[in-house]
Amino acid sequence: VGNQAQYYFLVLLAILVLFFLDAIREMRKYSSPETTEATHAHLDAEMQVNMKLFRAQRNFYISGFALFLSLVIRRLVILISQQATLLAQSEAAMRQAQSATTTAQSLLAQNQASMAQNDTNEAHDKEVTELKDKLSKAEKAIEKERKDKEALKSQAESVNKEYDRLNEEYRKLQARLDAAGGELKKDA
């Protein structure tokens, strides 16, 4: 559309330039000194020349003004076109900026959510660490109790063996005593 409009504008400009040049040629033709000297003798002929000169000047001013206005209109069209382009670009830039702002806000929200998640994860990690410490302490206590139990068990077994040994020794001594007491009764 823009190229076609420029083509039509150039055609219009060429026609206006032709009208302008024709008006200049007519003005020179009717304002030359030999034309005025020859027509001074005849008033009617002089009036005809002055009327044609007036029309040539009128056409000169009209075509010149039309040429000037066409250039002004072309410049206005170019400026309006550039303004429309800039407006479209600024709207696109605003939409892009709003999209970037929305994206940045969503990323910040995600970042804050992940930071909150990290905080809760850190709290959970701390709690897990504390529970692991308690578990390891409990395992150590259980291990200590198991060792104490084994020590008590081995001590009980050794006490039991010692008791059995002493009981056996007591029984032997009792048997000896009974045997020695029976001999004393026989001797007495």
N, C-alpha and C. Protein backbone atom coordinates (compact mmCIF):
# COMPACT_ATOMS: atom_id res chain seq x y z
N VAL A 1 0.84 -1.19 0.00
CA VAL A 1 0.00 0.00 0.00
C VAL A 1 0.88 1.24 0.00
N GLY A 2 1.96 1.24 0.76
CA GLY A 2 2.85 2.40 0.86
C GLY A 2 3.53 2.70 -0.46
N ASN A 3 3.99 1.65 -1.17
CA ASN A 3 4.65 1.87 -2.46
C ASN A 3 3.66 2.38 -3.49
N GLN A 4 2.46 1.86 -3.47
CA GLN A 4 1.44 2.30 -4.41
C GLN A 4 1.07 3.76 -4.14
N ALA A 5 0.97 4.15 -2.89
CA ALA A 5 0.65 5.54 -2.55
C ALA A 5 1.78 6.46 -3.01
N GLN A 6 3.02 6.01 -2.85
CA GLN A 6 4.14 6.84 -3.31
C GLN A 6 4.11 6.99 -4.83
N TYR A 7 3.77 5.92 -5.52
CA TYR A 7 3.68 6.00 -6.98
C TYR A 7 2.63 7.03 -7.39
N TYR A 8 1.44 6.97 -6.79
CA TYR A 8 0.38 7.94 -7.12
C TYR A 8 0.81 9.36 -6.75
N PHE A 9 1.50 9.49 -5.64
CA PHE A 9 1.95 10.82 -5.23
C PHE A 9 2.96 11.37 -6.23
N LEU A 10 3.88 10.54 -6.70
CA LEU A 10 4.85 11.01 -7.68
C LEU A 10 4.17 11.40 -8.99
N VAL A 11 3.16 10.65 -9.40
CA VAL A 11 2.41 11.01 -10.61
C VAL A 11 1.73 12.36 -10.41
N LEU A 12 1.08 12.56 -9.26
CA LEU A 12 0.43 13.83 -8.95
C LEU A 12 1.45 14.96 -8.91
N LEU A 13 2.60 14.71 -8.31
CA LEU A 13 3.65 15.73 -8.23
C LEU A 13 4.15 16.10 -9.63
N ALA A 14 4.32 15.10 -10.49
CA ALA A 14 4.77 15.38 -11.86
C ALA A 14 3.74 16.22 -12.60
N ILE A 15 2.46 15.92 -12.44
CA ILE A 15 1.40 16.71 -13.10
C ILE A 15 1.42 18.14 -12.58
N LEU A 16 1.57 18.31 -11.26
CA LEU A 16 1.61 19.67 -10.69
C LEU A 16 2.84 20.44 -11.16
N VAL A 17 3.97 19.75 -11.29
CA VAL A 17 5.17 20.42 -11.81
C VAL A 17 4.94 20.85 -13.26
N LEU A 18 4.28 19.98 -14.05
CA LEU A 18 3.97 20.36 -15.43
C LEU A 18 3.06 21.59 -15.47
N PHE A 19 2.02 21.62 -14.63
CA PHE A 19 1.15 22.79 -14.57
C PHE A 19 1.94 24.03 -14.16
N PHE A 20 2.85 23.87 -13.21
CA PHE A 20 3.65 25.00 -12.72
C PHE A 20 4.56 25.52 -13.84
N LEU A 21 5.22 24.60 -14.54
CA LEU A 21 6.09 25.02 -15.64
C LEU A 21 5.29 25.67 -16.77
N ASP A 22 4.10 25.14 -17.05
CA ASP A 22 3.24 25.73 -18.08
C ASP A 22 2.83 27.14 -17.67
N ALA A 23 2.51 27.34 -16.40
CA ALA A 23 2.13 28.67 -15.92
C ALA A 23 3.30 29.64 -16.04
N ILE A 24 4.52 29.18 -15.75
CA ILE A 24 5.70 30.05 -15.89
C ILE A 24 5.90 30.41 -17.36
N ARG A 25 5.76 29.42 -18.24
CA ARG A 25 5.92 29.69 -19.68
C ARG A 25 4.89 30.69 -20.16
N GLU A 26 3.64 30.54 -19.73
CA GLU A 26 2.58 31.47 -20.13
C GLU A 26 2.86 32.87 -19.59
N MET A 27 3.34 32.97 -18.36
CA MET A 27 3.63 34.30 -17.79
C MET A 27 4.73 34.99 -18.59
N ARG A 28 5.77 34.25 -18.96
CA ARG A 28 6.85 34.85 -19.75
C ARG A 28 6.35 35.27 -21.14
N LYS A 29 5.50 34.42 -21.66
CA LYS A 29 4.99 34.70 -23.01
C LYS A 29 4.19 36.00 -23.04
N TYR A 30 3.35 36.23 -22.03
CA TYR A 30 2.48 37.41 -22.05
C TYR A 30 3.08 38.61 -21.33
N SER A 31 4.21 38.45 -20.70
CA SER A 31 4.80 39.63 -20.06
C SER A 31 6.07 40.10 -20.78
N SER A 32 6.34 39.58 -21.94
CA SER A 32 7.53 40.01 -22.67
C SER A 32 7.32 41.44 -23.19
N PRO A 33 8.39 42.26 -23.28
CA PRO A 33 8.24 43.67 -23.67
C PRO A 33 7.76 43.86 -25.11
N GLU A 34 8.09 42.96 -26.03
CA GLU A 34 7.63 43.18 -27.40
C GLU A 34 6.14 42.98 -27.54
N THR A 35 5.56 42.13 -26.69
CA THR A 35 4.11 41.93 -26.74
C THR A 35 3.41 43.17 -26.25
N THR A 36 3.91 43.80 -25.23
CA THR A 36 3.24 44.97 -24.67
C THR A 36 3.37 46.18 -25.58
N GLU A 37 4.51 46.33 -26.27
CA GLU A 37 4.68 47.49 -27.15
C GLU A 37 3.76 47.40 -28.37
N ALA A 38 3.59 46.18 -28.87
CA ALA A 38 2.76 46.03 -30.07
C ALA A 38 1.29 46.22 -29.75
N THR A 39 0.91 45.90 -28.57
CA THR A 39 -0.50 45.97 -28.23
C THR A 39 -0.90 47.31 -27.65
N HIS A 40 0.03 48.23 -27.44
CA HIS A 40 -0.34 49.54 -26.89
C HIS A 40 -1.23 50.32 -27.88
N ALA A 41 -1.06 50.02 -29.09
CA ALA A 41 -1.85 50.75 -30.08
C ALA A 41 -3.30 50.34 -30.03
N HIS A 42 -3.52 49.10 -29.73
CA HIS A 42 -4.91 48.63 -29.69
C HIS A 42 -5.28 48.30 -28.26
N LEU A 43 -6.25 48.99 -27.80
CA LEU A 43 -6.70 48.82 -26.42
C LEU A 43 -7.34 47.45 -26.22
N ASP A 44 -8.08 47.01 -27.20
CA ASP A 44 -8.75 45.71 -27.08
C ASP A 44 -7.72 44.59 -27.04
N ALA A 45 -6.69 44.66 -27.85
CA ALA A 45 -5.64 43.64 -27.87
C ALA A 45 -4.87 43.68 -26.56
N GLU A 46 -4.62 44.87 -26.02
CA GLU A 46 -3.90 44.99 -24.75
C GLU A 46 -4.71 44.38 -23.62
N MET A 47 -6.01 44.57 -23.67
CA MET A 47 -6.87 43.98 -22.63
C MET A 47 -6.84 42.44 -22.73
N GLN A 48 -6.80 41.96 -23.97
CA GLN A 48 -6.71 40.50 -24.16
C GLN A 48 -5.41 39.96 -23.57
N VAL A 49 -4.30 40.64 -23.83
CA VAL A 49 -2.99 40.21 -23.33
C VAL A 49 -2.97 40.28 -21.80
N ASN A 50 -3.49 41.38 -21.24
CA ASN A 50 -3.51 41.52 -19.77
C ASN A 50 -4.39 40.43 -19.13
N MET A 51 -5.49 40.10 -19.79
CA MET A 51 -6.36 39.05 -19.26
C MET A 51 -5.63 37.70 -19.29
N LYS A 52 -4.91 37.42 -20.39
CA LYS A 52 -4.15 36.17 -20.48
C LYS A 52 -3.00 36.15 -19.47
N LEU A 53 -2.35 37.31 -19.27
CA LEU A 53 -1.29 37.41 -18.27
C LEU A 53 -1.87 37.16 -16.87
N PHE A 54 -3.04 37.74 -16.60
CA PHE A 54 -3.70 37.53 -15.30
C PHE A 54 -4.00 36.05 -15.10
N ARG A 55 -4.53 35.39 -16.13
CA ARG A 55 -4.83 33.96 -16.01
C ARG A 55 -3.55 33.15 -15.82
N ALA A 56 -2.48 33.51 -16.52
CA ALA A 56 -1.20 32.80 -16.38
C ALA A 56 -0.66 32.97 -14.96
N GLN A 57 -0.74 34.22 -14.43
CA GLN A 57 -0.28 34.46 -13.06
C GLN A 57 -1.15 33.69 -12.06
N ARG A 58 -2.47 33.71 -12.31
CA ARG A 58 -3.38 32.97 -11.43
C ARG A 58 -3.03 31.49 -11.44
N ASN A 59 -2.81 30.92 -12.63
CA ASN A 59 -2.43 29.51 -12.74
C ASN A 59 -1.08 29.24 -12.07
N PHE A 60 -0.15 30.20 -12.19
CA PHE A 60 1.16 30.09 -11.55
C PHE A 60 1.00 29.99 -10.04
N TYR A 61 0.22 30.89 -9.47
CA TYR A 61 0.02 30.88 -8.01
C TYR A 61 -0.73 29.63 -7.56
N ILE A 62 -1.75 29.25 -8.31
CA ILE A 62 -2.53 28.06 -7.92
C ILE A 62 -1.67 26.81 -8.00
N SER A 63 -0.94 26.65 -9.12
CA SER A 63 -0.12 25.45 -9.27
C SER A 63 1.05 25.46 -8.28
N GLY A 64 1.63 26.63 -8.02
CA GLY A 64 2.71 26.72 -7.02
C GLY A 64 2.21 26.37 -5.63
N PHE A 65 1.03 26.91 -5.28
CA PHE A 65 0.47 26.63 -3.97
C PHE A 65 0.08 25.15 -3.86
N ALA A 66 -0.47 24.59 -4.95
CA ALA A 66 -0.84 23.17 -4.95
C ALA A 66 0.41 22.30 -4.83
N LEU A 67 1.50 22.69 -5.51
CA LEU A 67 2.76 21.97 -5.41
C LEU A 67 3.29 22.01 -3.98
N PHE A 68 3.27 23.20 -3.38
CA PHE A 68 3.71 23.37 -2.00
C PHE A 68 2.85 22.53 -1.04
N LEU A 69 1.52 22.60 -1.23
CA LEU A 69 0.62 21.83 -0.36
C LEU A 69 0.82 20.32 -0.53
N SER A 70 1.09 19.89 -1.77
CA SER A 70 1.31 18.46 -1.97
C SER A 70 2.57 18.00 -1.24
N LEU A 71 3.62 18.84 -1.26
CA LEU A 71 4.84 18.49 -0.51
C LEU A 71 4.57 18.47 1.00
N VAL A 72 3.78 19.44 1.47
CA VAL A 72 3.44 19.48 2.89
C VAL A 72 2.60 18.26 3.27
N ILE A 73 1.64 17.92 2.41
CA ILE A 73 0.79 16.76 2.69
C ILE A 73 1.62 15.47 2.69
N ARG A 74 2.56 15.37 1.74
CA ARG A 74 3.42 14.19 1.71
C ARG A 74 4.22 14.08 3.00
N ARG A 75 4.78 15.20 3.45
CA ARG A 75 5.55 15.19 4.69
C ARG A 75 4.66 14.81 5.88
N LEU A 76 3.43 15.33 5.89
CA LEU A 76 2.50 14.98 6.97
C LEU A 76 2.18 13.48 6.95
N VAL A 77 1.98 12.94 5.75
CA VAL A 77 1.69 11.51 5.63
C VAL A 77 2.87 10.70 6.16
N ILE A 78 4.09 11.11 5.79
CA ILE A 78 5.28 10.41 6.27
C ILE A 78 5.37 10.49 7.80
N LEU A 79 5.15 11.68 8.35
CA LEU A 79 5.22 11.84 9.81
C LEU A 79 4.14 11.02 10.52
N ILE A 80 2.92 11.03 9.96
CA ILE A 80 1.84 10.25 10.58
C ILE A 80 2.16 8.76 10.51
N SER A 81 2.72 8.32 9.38
CA SER A 81 3.09 6.92 9.24
C SER A 81 4.17 6.54 10.25
N GLN A 82 5.18 7.40 10.40
CA GLN A 82 6.22 7.14 11.38
C GLN A 82 5.65 7.14 12.80
N GLN A 83 4.73 8.06 13.05
CA GLN A 83 4.09 8.12 14.37
C GLN A 83 3.32 6.83 14.66
N ALA A 84 2.61 6.33 13.65
CA ALA A 84 1.86 5.08 13.83
C ALA A 84 2.81 3.92 14.09
N THR A 85 3.92 3.90 13.35
CA THR A 85 4.92 2.84 13.56
C THR A 85 5.50 2.92 14.96
N LEU A 86 5.86 4.13 15.39
CA LEU A 86 6.41 4.30 16.73
C LEU A 86 5.40 3.93 17.80
N LEU A 87 4.15 4.27 17.57
CA LEU A 87 3.09 3.93 18.53
C LEU A 87 2.95 2.41 18.64
N ALA A 88 2.97 1.73 17.49
CA ALA A 88 2.87 0.27 17.51
C ALA A 88 4.08 -0.35 18.21
N GLN A 89 5.27 0.22 17.95
CA GLN A 89 6.47 -0.28 18.61
C GLN A 89 6.42 -0.05 20.11
N SER A 90 5.93 1.12 20.51
CA SER A 90 5.85 1.41 21.95
C SER A 90 4.84 0.50 22.63
N GLU A 91 3.71 0.22 21.96
CA GLU A 91 2.72 -0.70 22.53
C GLU A 91 3.32 -2.10 22.65
N ALA A 92 4.07 -2.52 21.63
CA ALA A 92 4.71 -3.83 21.70
C ALA A 92 5.74 -3.86 22.82
N ALA A 93 6.49 -2.78 22.96
CA ALA A 93 7.48 -2.71 24.04
C ALA A 93 6.81 -2.73 25.41
N MET A 94 5.66 -2.04 25.52
CA MET A 94 4.93 -2.04 26.80
C MET A 94 4.41 -3.45 27.11
N ARG A 95 3.87 -4.13 26.10
CA ARG A 95 3.39 -5.49 26.32
C ARG A 95 4.54 -6.40 26.73
N GLN A 96 5.69 -6.21 26.06
CA GLN A 96 6.86 -7.03 26.38
C GLN A 96 7.34 -6.72 27.80
N ALA A 97 7.33 -5.44 28.17
CA ALA A 97 7.75 -5.06 29.53
C ALA A 97 6.79 -5.63 30.57
N GLN A 98 5.48 -5.58 30.27
CA GLN A 98 4.51 -6.15 31.21
C GLN A 98 4.70 -7.65 31.33
N SER A 99 4.97 -8.30 30.21
CA SER A 99 5.22 -9.74 30.24
C SER A 99 6.47 -10.05 31.05
N ALA A 100 7.52 -9.24 30.84
CA ALA A 100 8.76 -9.44 31.60
C ALA A 100 8.52 -9.20 33.09
N THR A 101 7.71 -8.18 33.41
CA THR A 101 7.40 -7.89 34.81
C THR A 101 6.63 -9.05 35.43
N THR A 102 5.65 -9.55 34.70
CA THR A 102 4.86 -10.68 35.20
C THR A 102 5.75 -11.90 35.41
N THR A 103 6.63 -12.16 34.45
CA THR A 103 7.54 -13.29 34.56
C THR A 103 8.47 -13.11 35.75
N ALA A 104 9.00 -11.89 35.92
CA ALA A 104 9.90 -11.63 37.05
C ALA A 104 9.17 -11.81 38.38
N GLN A 105 7.92 -11.34 38.45
CA GLN A 105 7.15 -11.49 39.69
C GLN A 105 6.89 -12.96 39.98
N SER A 106 6.56 -13.73 38.95
CA SER A 106 6.32 -15.16 39.18
C SER A 106 7.60 -15.86 39.60
N LEU A 107 8.74 -15.46 39.00
CA LEU A 107 10.01 -16.05 39.40
C LEU A 107 10.36 -15.68 40.84
N LEU A 108 10.08 -14.43 41.21
CA LEU A 108 10.33 -14.02 42.59
C LEU A 108 9.44 -14.80 43.55
N ALA A 109 8.18 -15.00 43.17
CA ALA A 109 7.27 -15.77 44.02
C ALA A 109 7.77 -17.21 44.15
N GLN A 110 8.22 -17.78 43.03
CA GLN A 110 8.76 -19.14 43.09
C GLN A 110 10.01 -19.18 43.95
N ASN A 111 10.85 -18.15 43.81
CA ASN A 111 12.08 -18.08 44.60
C ASN A 111 11.74 -17.98 46.08
N GLN A 112 10.75 -17.14 46.42
CA GLN A 112 10.35 -17.02 47.81
C GLN A 112 9.76 -18.32 48.32
N ALA A 113 8.97 -18.98 47.47
CA ALA A 113 8.40 -20.27 47.86
C ALA A 113 9.50 -21.30 48.08
N SER A 114 10.49 -21.30 47.18
CA SER A 114 11.59 -22.25 47.34
C SER A 114 12.43 -21.90 48.56
N MET A 115 12.57 -20.59 48.85
CA MET A 115 13.29 -20.20 50.06
C MET A 115 12.52 -20.64 51.30
N ALA A 116 11.19 -20.49 51.27
CA ALA A 116 10.37 -20.97 52.39
C ALA A 116 10.49 -22.48 52.50
N GLN A 117 10.48 -23.15 51.36
CA GLN A 117 10.65 -24.60 51.35
C GLN A 117 12.02 -24.97 51.89
N ASN A 118 13.05 -24.20 51.50
CA ASN A 118 14.39 -24.44 52.02
C ASN A 118 14.43 -24.24 53.52
N ASP A 119 13.73 -23.20 54.01
CA ASP A 119 13.68 -22.96 55.45
C ASP A 119 13.03 -24.14 56.16
N THR A 120 11.91 -24.62 55.61
CA THR A 120 11.25 -25.77 56.24
C THR A 120 12.12 -27.01 56.09
N ASN A 121 12.81 -27.14 54.95
CA ASN A 121 13.72 -28.27 54.77
C ASN A 121 14.86 -28.19 55.78
N GLU A 122 15.39 -26.99 56.00
CA GLU A 122 16.46 -26.83 56.98
C GLU A 122 15.95 -27.16 58.38
N ALA A 123 14.72 -26.74 58.69
CA ALA A 123 14.15 -27.06 60.00
C ALA A 123 13.97 -28.58 60.12
N HIS A 124 13.49 -29.22 59.05
CA HIS A 124 13.33 -30.67 59.07
C HIS A 124 14.70 -31.35 59.18
N ASP A 125 15.68 -30.83 58.44
CA ASP A 125 17.03 -31.40 58.52
C ASP A 125 17.58 -31.28 59.93
N LYS A 126 17.36 -30.13 60.57
CA LYS A 126 17.83 -29.93 61.94
C LYS A 126 17.15 -30.91 62.88
N GLU A 127 15.84 -31.07 62.69
CA GLU A 127 15.08 -32.00 63.53
C GLU A 127 15.56 -33.43 63.30
N VAL A 128 15.80 -33.79 62.02
CA VAL A 128 16.30 -35.12 61.70
C VAL A 128 17.66 -35.34 62.34
N THR A 129 18.53 -34.31 62.29
CA THR A 129 19.85 -34.41 62.90
C THR A 129 19.73 -34.62 64.41
N GLU A 130 18.84 -33.85 65.03
CA GLU A 130 18.63 -34.01 66.47
C GLU A 130 18.12 -35.41 66.79
N LEU A 131 17.18 -35.90 65.99
CA LEU A 131 16.65 -37.24 66.22
C LEU A 131 17.72 -38.31 66.00
N LYS A 132 18.59 -38.10 65.00
CA LYS A 132 19.69 -39.05 64.78
C LYS A 132 20.64 -39.05 65.96
N ASP A 133 20.92 -37.84 66.49
CA ASP A 133 21.78 -37.76 67.68
C ASP A 133 21.14 -38.52 68.85
N LYS A 134 19.84 -38.29 69.06
CA LYS A 134 19.14 -39.00 70.15
C LYS A 134 19.17 -40.50 69.91
N LEU A 135 18.98 -40.91 68.65
CA LEU A 135 19.00 -42.33 68.32
C LEU A 135 20.37 -42.93 68.59
N SER A 136 21.42 -42.21 68.17
CA SER A 136 22.77 -42.74 68.41
C SER A 136 23.06 -42.81 69.91
N LYS A 137 22.60 -41.81 70.68
CA LYS A 137 22.77 -41.86 72.13
C LYS A 137 22.01 -43.04 72.72
N ALA A 138 20.77 -43.25 72.23
CA ALA A 138 19.98 -44.38 72.73
C ALA A 138 20.64 -45.70 72.36
N GLU A 139 21.19 -45.79 71.14
CA GLU A 139 21.88 -47.01 70.74
C GLU A 139 23.11 -47.25 71.61
N LYS A 140 23.83 -46.17 71.92
CA LYS A 140 25.00 -46.31 72.80
C LYS A 140 24.56 -46.76 74.19
N ALA A 141 23.45 -46.18 74.68
CA ALA A 141 22.95 -46.58 76.00
C ALA A 141 22.53 -48.05 75.99
N ILE A 142 21.86 -48.46 74.90
CA ILE A 142 21.43 -49.86 74.79
C ILE A 142 22.65 -50.77 74.74
N GLU A 143 23.66 -50.36 73.98
CA GLU A 143 24.88 -51.16 73.87
C GLU A 143 25.56 -51.27 75.24
N LYS A 144 25.58 -50.16 75.97
CA LYS A 144 26.18 -50.16 77.32
C LYS A 144 25.39 -51.09 78.24
N GLU A 145 24.05 -51.00 78.14
CA GLU A 145 23.20 -51.87 78.96
C GLU A 145 23.42 -53.33 78.59
N ARG A 146 23.56 -53.60 77.29
CA ARG A 146 23.80 -54.97 76.85
C ARG A 146 25.13 -55.48 77.39
N LYS A 147 26.15 -54.61 77.34
CA LYS A 147 27.46 -55.02 77.88
C LYS A 147 27.37 -55.23 79.39
N ASP A 148 26.65 -54.32 80.06
CA ASP A 148 26.47 -54.49 81.51
C ASP A 148 25.73 -55.79 81.80
N LYS A 149 24.72 -56.09 80.98
CA LYS A 149 23.95 -57.33 81.16
C LYS A 149 24.85 -58.54 80.98
N GLU A 150 25.69 -58.49 79.92
CA GLU A 150 26.61 -59.60 79.68
C GLU A 150 27.61 -59.72 80.82
N ALA A 151 28.08 -58.54 81.29
CA ALA A 151 29.02 -58.58 82.41
C ALA A 151 28.35 -59.18 83.65
N LEU A 152 27.11 -58.76 83.92
CA LEU A 152 26.38 -59.31 85.07
C LEU A 152 26.12 -60.80 84.88
N LYS A 153 25.81 -61.19 83.64
CA LYS A 153 25.55 -62.60 83.35
C LYS A 153 26.81 -63.43 83.59
N SER A 154 27.95 -62.92 83.07
CA SER A 154 29.20 -63.67 83.27
C SER A 154 29.58 -63.67 84.75
N GLN A 155 29.32 -62.56 85.42
CA GLN A 155 29.61 -62.49 86.85
C GLN A 155 28.70 -63.47 87.61
N ALA A 156 27.42 -63.53 87.20
CA ALA A 156 26.50 -64.47 87.85
C ALA A 156 26.92 -65.90 87.61
N GLU A 157 27.39 -66.18 86.38
CA GLU A 157 27.85 -67.54 86.08
C GLU A 157 29.08 -67.89 86.92
N SER A 158 30.00 -66.91 87.01
CA SER A 158 31.20 -67.20 87.83
C SER A 158 30.82 -67.34 89.30
N VAL A 159 29.86 -66.52 89.79
CA VAL A 159 29.40 -66.66 91.18
C VAL A 159 28.71 -68.01 91.36
N ASN A 160 27.92 -68.41 90.35
CA ASN A 160 27.24 -69.70 90.40
C ASN A 160 28.26 -70.84 90.44
N LYS A 161 29.31 -70.74 89.62
CA LYS A 161 30.34 -71.78 89.60
C LYS A 161 31.06 -71.82 90.96
N GLU A 162 31.36 -70.62 91.45
CA GLU A 162 32.03 -70.54 92.75
C GLU A 162 31.13 -71.13 93.85
N TYR A 163 29.81 -70.85 93.75
CA TYR A 163 28.85 -71.40 94.72
C TYR A 163 28.83 -72.92 94.63
N ASP A 164 28.77 -73.42 93.38
CA ASP A 164 28.76 -74.87 93.19
C ASP A 164 30.05 -75.49 93.73
N ARG A 165 31.17 -74.83 93.47
CA ARG A 165 32.46 -75.34 93.97
C ARG A 165 32.47 -75.35 95.49
N LEU A 166 32.04 -74.20 96.07
CA LEU A 166 32.02 -74.12 97.54
C LEU A 166 31.02 -75.11 98.13
N ASN A 167 29.89 -75.29 97.46
CA ASN A 167 28.89 -76.24 97.92
C ASN A 167 29.47 -77.65 97.88
N GLU A 168 30.20 -77.95 96.81
CA GLU A 168 30.83 -79.27 96.67
C GLU A 168 31.87 -79.45 97.77
N GLU A 169 32.63 -78.41 97.99
CA GLU A 169 33.66 -78.46 99.04
C GLU A 169 33.00 -78.62 100.41
N TYR A 170 31.89 -77.92 100.62
CA TYR A 170 31.16 -78.03 101.89
C TYR A 170 30.64 -79.45 102.06
N ARG A 171 30.08 -79.99 100.99
CA ARG A 171 29.57 -81.35 101.04
C ARG A 171 30.69 -82.34 101.35
N LYS A 172 31.86 -82.12 100.74
CA LYS A 172 32.99 -83.02 101.00
C LYS A 172 33.44 -82.88 102.46
N LEU A 173 33.50 -81.63 102.91
CA LEU A 173 33.91 -81.40 104.30
C LEU A 173 32.87 -81.97 105.26
N GLN A 174 31.61 -81.86 104.91
CA GLN A 174 30.54 -82.39 105.75
C GLN A 174 30.64 -83.91 105.79
N ALA A 175 30.93 -84.48 104.64
CA ALA A 175 31.06 -85.93 104.58
C ALA A 175 32.27 -86.36 105.41
N ARG A 176 33.31 -85.60 105.37
CA ARG A 176 34.48 -85.91 106.14
C ARG A 176 34.18 -85.74 107.63
N LEU A 177 33.49 -84.69 107.90
CA LEU A 177 33.14 -84.43 109.29
C LEU A 177 32.22 -85.56 109.81
N ASP A 178 31.27 -85.94 109.00
CA ASP A 178 30.40 -87.03 109.41
C ASP A 178 31.20 -88.33 109.56
N ALA A 179 32.10 -88.55 108.67
CA ALA A 179 32.92 -89.75 108.74
C ALA A 179 33.84 -89.66 109.97
N ALA A 180 34.37 -88.50 110.25
CA ALA A 180 35.25 -88.33 111.40
C ALA A 180 34.42 -88.37 112.68
N GLY A 181 33.19 -87.87 112.67
CA GLY A 181 32.32 -87.91 113.84
C GLY A 181 31.88 -89.34 114.11
N GLY A 182 31.68 -90.18 113.12
CA GLY A 182 31.29 -91.56 113.27
C GLY A 182 32.45 -92.37 113.85
N GLU A 183 33.63 -92.04 113.57
CA GLU A 183 34.80 -92.72 114.09
C GLU A 183 35.01 -92.31 115.54
N LEU A 184 34.70 -91.12 115.86
CA LEU A 184 34.83 -90.66 117.24
C LEU A 184 33.79 -91.38 118.11
N LYS A 185 32.63 -91.57 117.60
CA LYS A 185 31.61 -92.26 118.37
C LYS A 185 31.99 -93.72 118.52
N LYS A 186 32.59 -94.27 117.56
CA LYS A 186 33.03 -95.65 117.66
C LYS A 186 34.18 -95.76 118.64
N ASP A 187 35.02 -94.84 118.72
CA ASP A 187 36.17 -94.85 119.59
C ASP A 187 35.72 -94.52 121.03
N ALA A 188 34.77 -93.89 121.21
CA ALA A 188 34.40 -93.48 122.54
C ALA A 188 33.48 -94.50 123.09
